[in-house]
Amino acid sequence: MKARFALILFSVCMASGCTAAFGQRLFPVQGPAAAQTPPPAFTAKLTNIYRQSGKITLVQANGESFQGTWTIVTASFVNAKTPGTPASYPPQPNLAFAWDAVYGPGYYVGTILGSENVGQAVATGDRGTVLQVEFHREQLGVPEDNHFGVAVDNKGNIYKVVL
């Protein structure tokens, strides 16, 4: 009976768009934040994770809070920037350079390029930090813990995103 109730509740949530993903984290892997001990991580929440767009809210360990909107895009070209330089600061058309910095050279071309399941967001913090997030969303029915991505900010940091 409990399984039936859970299935009905899940179906209602999916139909109404109330899906939210909680417990997402962003960890600094390159830049000034990665050199801090301990490195300041973010917690995040995305709404409508299986829709075409939704809201994203984040809080950094230092208390700065961020809000923005994410949307699904098709990864269509390589944006080659030097990570950590002002030319790589958000907003960018895509974060190909960050994918390669976090997951290894050629990762963007081999895994992300051409995907129609890439979410992009730009969120502004209440202390002036601008954060751009890009994540790869798995198809409907795949557990949410299979979502992953990268982020960059306007302070020269690159983050690994674990959704």
Foldseek 3Di string as FASTA:
>chain_A
DVVVVVVVVVVVCLVVQADKDFFKKKFWDDDDQVPDVVRWMKTKMWGSLQDQKTKMWIAINVGWIKIKMKGFAAQADADDDDFQDQVQADDDPDPNVLCCVVVHPPCCVVPRHGDRQKMWIWIATPVGKIKIWIKGADHPPPDRQPIWTWMDINRRTIITMGD
